[in-house]
Protein backbone atom coordinates (compact mmCIF):
# COMPACT_ATOMS: atom_id res chain seq x y z
CA MET A 1 9.18 13.61 13.43
CA MET A 2 9.84 10.09 13.37
CA ASN A 3 10.02 7.60 16.15
CA SER A 4 10.15 4.20 15.31
CA ASN A 5 10.14 1.36 18.14
CA ILE A 6 11.46 -1.98 18.05
CA ASN A 7 7.99 -3.52 17.03
CA ASP A 8 8.77 -2.25 13.74
CA THR A 9 6.07 0.63 14.07
CA LEU A 10 7.38 3.67 12.56
CA ILE A 11 5.05 7.27 13.87
CA ILE A 12 5.42 10.75 12.55
CA ASP A 13 3.64 13.22 13.40
CA ASN A 14 1.53 15.36 9.92
CA SER A 15 -0.93 17.66 10.83
CA SER A 16 -4.67 16.25 10.35
CA HIS A 17 -5.96 18.40 7.05
CA SER A 18 -9.97 18.31 6.97
CA PHE A 19 -11.88 17.83 2.77
CA ASP A 20 -14.02 20.61 1.98
CA ILE A 21 -15.99 18.54 -0.36
CA ASN A 22 -18.34 21.74 -1.65
CA VAL A 23 -15.51 23.61 -2.10
CA HIS A 24 -14.34 23.07 -6.17
CA SER A 25 -11.15 23.59 -7.86
CA SER A 26 -10.12 24.37 -11.31
CA THR A 27 -6.85 21.96 -11.22
CA SER A 28 -6.91 18.87 -12.68
CA HIS A 29 -4.80 14.89 -13.47
CA PRO A 30 -1.34 16.20 -15.35
CA PHE A 31 -2.57 13.88 -17.94
CA THR A 32 -6.82 13.15 -19.00
CA ASN A 33 -7.36 9.45 -20.03
CA LEU A 34 -10.22 6.88 -19.21
CA ASP A 35 -10.92 7.93 -15.90
CA ASP A 36 -11.21 11.47 -16.47
CA LYS A 37 -14.28 10.75 -19.44
CA TYR A 38 -16.19 8.29 -16.91
CA ASN A 39 -15.57 9.69 -14.57
CA TYR A 40 -17.43 13.26 -13.06
CA LEU A 41 -14.37 15.34 -10.63
CA THR A 42 -15.54 17.35 -8.06
CA TYR A 43 -12.23 18.77 -6.55
CA THR A 44 -12.21 20.02 -2.96
CA SER A 45 -10.14 22.20 -1.01
CA ASP A 46 -6.98 19.91 -0.84
CA ASN A 47 -7.04 19.58 -5.01
CA GLN A 48 -8.70 16.52 -4.37
CA SER A 49 -11.00 14.84 -6.91
CA ASP A 50 -14.05 12.98 -5.56
CA TYR A 51 -12.35 9.48 -6.24
CA LEU A 52 -9.22 7.72 -5.50
CA LYS A 53 -6.97 5.89 -8.21
CA ILE A 54 -4.59 3.53 -6.37
CA GLY A 55 -3.54 0.23 -7.62
CA THR A 56 -0.95 -2.15 -6.76
CA ILE A 57 2.39 -3.37 -9.08
CA ASN A 58 5.09 -6.25 -8.94
CA ILE A 59 8.48 -5.25 -10.18
CA GLN A 60 10.10 -8.06 -9.80
CA GLY A 61 12.78 -6.06 -7.67
CA ALA A 62 16.18 -4.37 -9.63
CA TYR A 63 13.96 -1.40 -7.93
CA GLN A 64 16.72 1.94 -8.08
CA LEU A 65 17.42 0.61 -11.60
CA LYS A 66 13.55 0.89 -12.65
CA LEU A 67 12.39 3.81 -10.44
CA ASP A 68 12.19 6.19 -12.75
CA ASN A 69 9.72 4.34 -14.44
CA ILE A 70 7.78 3.45 -12.05
CA ILE A 71 7.62 7.48 -11.65
CA LEU A 72 6.72 7.88 -15.37
CA TYR A 73 4.30 4.89 -14.21
CA PHE A 74 2.53 6.48 -11.54
CA THR A 75 2.36 10.15 -12.79
CA THR A 76 1.29 8.99 -15.89
CA TYR A 77 -1.82 7.28 -14.96
CA ASN A 78 -2.90 9.47 -12.83
CA PHE A 79 -2.11 7.11 -9.55
CA ASP A 80 -2.41 8.30 -6.03
CA ILE A 81 -1.35 5.56 -4.26
CA LEU A 82 0.01 2.63 -5.85
CA THR A 83 1.92 -0.36 -3.90
CA LEU A 84 4.61 -1.53 -5.30
CA THR A 85 5.56 -5.33 -4.50
CA GLU A 86 8.64 -7.50 -5.12
CA THR A 87 11.54 -4.20 -4.63
CA GLY A 88 14.69 -6.23 -4.17
CA PHE A 89 15.50 -2.60 -1.82
CA HIS A 90 17.42 -4.48 0.76
CA THR A 91 18.42 -2.33 3.56
CA PRO A 92 17.78 -5.05 7.17
CA TYR A 93 16.95 -2.84 10.29
CA THR A 94 16.18 0.22 8.52
CA HIS A 95 13.43 1.72 10.87
CA ASN A 96 12.49 5.40 8.51
CA ASN A 97 13.01 4.15 5.23
CA ILE A 98 10.72 6.98 3.34
CA GLN A 99 12.01 8.63 0.45
CA ILE A 100 11.05 11.68 -1.22
CA VAL A 101 10.81 12.75 -5.06
CA ASN A 102 10.52 15.02 -7.53
CA HIS A 103 7.23 14.98 -8.87
CA PRO A 104 7.96 15.15 -13.02
CA ASN A 105 5.63 17.76 -13.73
CA ASN A 106 4.73 19.31 -11.33
CA ASN A 107 6.75 21.50 -8.33
CA SER A 108 5.49 18.79 -5.71
CA LYS A 109 6.63 15.46 -4.60
CA LEU A 110 5.91 12.12 -4.07
CA TYR A 111 6.58 9.93 -0.94
CA ILE A 112 7.47 6.42 -1.33
CA ILE A 113 7.14 4.39 2.04
CA HIS A 114 9.50 0.88 2.32
CA ASP A 115 9.19 -2.00 3.82
CA THR A 116 13.23 -2.73 3.11
CA ASN A 117 13.74 -5.68 6.14
CA GLY A 118 13.43 -8.89 4.13
CA GLU A 119 15.97 -11.34 4.55
CA HIS A 120 16.46 -12.47 1.03
CA LYS A 121 16.65 -10.36 -1.84
CA ASP A 122 13.54 -11.28 -3.83
CA THR A 123 11.63 -9.22 -1.06
CA GLY A 124 10.99 -5.77 -0.59
CA VAL A 125 7.12 -3.84 -0.04
CA ALA A 126 6.81 -0.12 -0.62
CA ILE A 127 3.98 2.58 -1.47
CA ILE A 128 4.37 5.61 -3.31
CA LEU A 129 1.77 8.88 -2.57
CA LEU A 130 1.20 11.89 -3.16
CA LYS A 131 2.24 14.77 -1.51
CA LYS A 132 -2.06 16.05 -0.27
CA LEU A 133 -2.02 11.86 1.44
CA PHE A 134 1.32 11.88 2.60
CA LYS A 135 0.28 14.99 5.38
CA HIS A 136 -2.84 12.37 6.25
CA PHE A 137 -0.34 9.53 7.09
CA ILE A 138 0.43 8.93 10.75
CA THR A 139 1.81 5.64 11.44
CA CYS A 140 3.23 2.47 9.59
CA ILE A 141 4.27 -1.20 10.34
CA PHE A 142 6.37 -3.04 8.36
CA LEU A 143 7.78 -7.20 8.36
CA ASN A 144 10.28 -8.56 6.86
CA GLY A 145 10.33 -6.85 3.30
CA ARG A 146 6.37 -8.74 3.10
CA LEU A 147 3.70 -6.74 4.93
CA LEU A 148 3.49 -2.62 5.12
CA HIS A 149 0.73 -1.73 6.22
CA ILE A 150 0.25 2.62 7.02
CA THR A 151 -2.47 4.94 7.64
CA LEU A 152 -4.14 8.01 6.57
CA LYS A 153 -5.88 9.36 8.73
CA PHE A 154 -8.88 11.88 8.46
CA LYS A 155 -11.91 14.80 10.14
CA PRO A 156 -13.98 13.31 11.65
CA HIS A 157 -11.86 10.87 13.12
CA ILE A 158 -12.18 8.73 10.50
CA SER A 159 -8.53 7.03 8.76
CA LEU A 160 -7.96 4.32 5.34
CA ASN A 161 -5.80 1.55 6.24
CA ILE A 162 -3.44 0.40 3.53
CA ILE A 163 -2.07 -3.06 3.48
CA ALA A 164 0.85 -3.85 0.70
CA ALA A 165 1.74 -7.46 1.05
CA TYR A 166 3.91 -10.39 -0.87
CA LEU A 167 3.97 -13.50 -0.14
CA PRO A 168 6.73 -16.08 -1.10
CA ALA A 169 6.40 -17.11 -4.44
CA ASN A 170 6.70 -20.85 -2.81
CA PRO A 171 5.36 -20.57 0.30
CA SER A 172 6.06 -24.38 1.01
CA SER A 173 9.82 -24.63 1.32
CA ILE A 174 11.28 -25.32 4.02
CA HIS A 175 12.69 -21.75 4.00
CA TYR A 176 9.77 -20.35 4.00
CA LYS A 177 7.75 -22.77 6.01
CA ASP A 178 7.62 -21.07 9.33
CA SER A 179 7.63 -17.60 7.76
CA ARG A 180 4.59 -18.31 7.01
CA SER A 181 3.32 -18.64 10.21
CA ILE A 182 4.71 -14.87 11.21
CA TYR A 183 3.19 -13.65 8.34
CA TYR A 184 -0.53 -14.49 8.65
CA THR A 185 -0.18 -13.97 12.38
CA LYS A 186 0.84 -10.35 11.33
CA LEU A 187 -1.48 -9.69 8.93
CA GLN A 188 -4.85 -10.67 11.19
CA SER A 189 -2.81 -8.61 14.34
CA ILE A 190 -3.04 -6.39 11.87
CA ILE A 191 -7.23 -6.29 10.45
CA ASN A 192 -8.94 -6.55 13.62
CA SER A 193 -7.10 -3.45 14.95
CA ILE A 194 -8.58 -1.89 11.90
CA ILE A 195 -11.72 -2.86 12.50
CA SER A 196 -12.21 -2.55 16.18
CA SER A 197 -12.98 1.06 14.61
CA ASP A 198 -16.09 2.54 12.87
CA LYS A 199 -14.48 5.08 10.95
CA SER A 200 -11.71 2.46 9.56
CA HIS A 201 -10.83 1.70 6.06
CA LYS A 202 -9.11 -0.90 4.86
CA LEU A 203 -7.76 -1.72 0.94
CA ILE A 204 -4.51 -4.86 1.06
CA LEU A 205 -3.37 -4.87 -1.89
CA GLY A 206 -0.37 -7.01 -3.53
CA ASP A 207 1.01 -10.58 -4.69
CA PHE A 208 -0.40 -13.70 -3.03
CA ASN A 209 1.68 -15.40 -5.05
CA THR A 210 -1.52 -17.81 -5.40
CA ASP A 211 -4.20 -18.66 -8.11
CA LEU A 212 -7.89 -17.44 -7.15
CA ASP A 213 -9.08 -20.32 -9.72
CA SER A 214 -7.38 -22.68 -8.82
CA ILE A 215 -7.93 -21.75 -5.35
CA ASN A 216 -11.83 -22.04 -5.47
CA ASN A 217 -11.33 -25.52 -6.18
CA LYS A 218 -12.09 -26.95 -3.00
CA SER A 219 -9.43 -29.60 -3.77
CA SER A 220 -7.16 -26.71 -3.75
CA ASN A 221 -3.57 -27.19 -2.24
CA ASP A 222 -2.46 -23.35 -2.08
CA SER A 223 -0.72 -23.12 0.54
CA ASN A 224 -1.10 -19.67 0.49
CA PHE A 225 -4.76 -20.66 0.37
CA LYS A 226 -5.09 -20.09 4.78
CA PHE A 227 -4.16 -16.03 3.62
CA ILE A 228 -6.87 -15.86 1.16
CA LYS A 229 -8.99 -17.22 3.50
CA LEU A 230 -8.67 -15.30 6.64
CA LEU A 231 -9.41 -12.30 4.52
CA ARG A 232 -12.54 -14.03 3.11
CA ASN A 233 -13.46 -14.00 7.09
CA PHE A 234 -12.97 -11.25 7.49
CA GLN A 235 -15.46 -10.18 4.28
CA LEU A 236 -13.03 -8.89 1.72
CA TYR A 237 -13.11 -9.19 -1.20
CA ASP A 238 -11.36 -9.52 -4.55
CA LEU A 239 -12.01 -6.24 -6.52
CA MET A 240 -10.12 -7.81 -9.79
CA HIS A 241 -12.93 -9.67 -10.90
């Protein structure tokens, strides 16, 4: 069941499933890659391994034309969760944009949750989930094709929060000057709501359109530094370095 409200929050009525780590299965990934060589896999009753492969990619627009290649990339590299930025998928005032596509290697489905509410064609973020994870999906919050926050719930009372972010490439321009404060306030509100729960975990992925090396220089005047500072204040760390 899907419900939307005026706060741009989508609620999915999904029953929760637990991870039973004592049950093993011979199910494997569609392809063998380096992750399989360097990670010992423990499978569960949900056919889930003991780790999740999560990634992000800026597709630089033309989402609908590139969809087949995106799905191929997702399945070839065995992603469980993949965030997309700059999709260019633009359908304002859409509140329940969940796309279901066939998994190319089995009879399962892939679920793509979109924020297509951007005001410009260079906006758009999305999160792709395997079916085994989508059944844990309960809510999402989105903002102007720039921020998409989804929550996955697991027993016992554990939640995983994935935030896809795409900050303006030229945030200093008059065009984005007013919207920056909106994104900042919304991101701050989302993180505050997450940390209020003891069993909530969070990952923020996407394209911040900034150079972390220059930001680490105190003389940096990067306009997106405020966002990076916010994340650091919440003790979030850059996993790419």
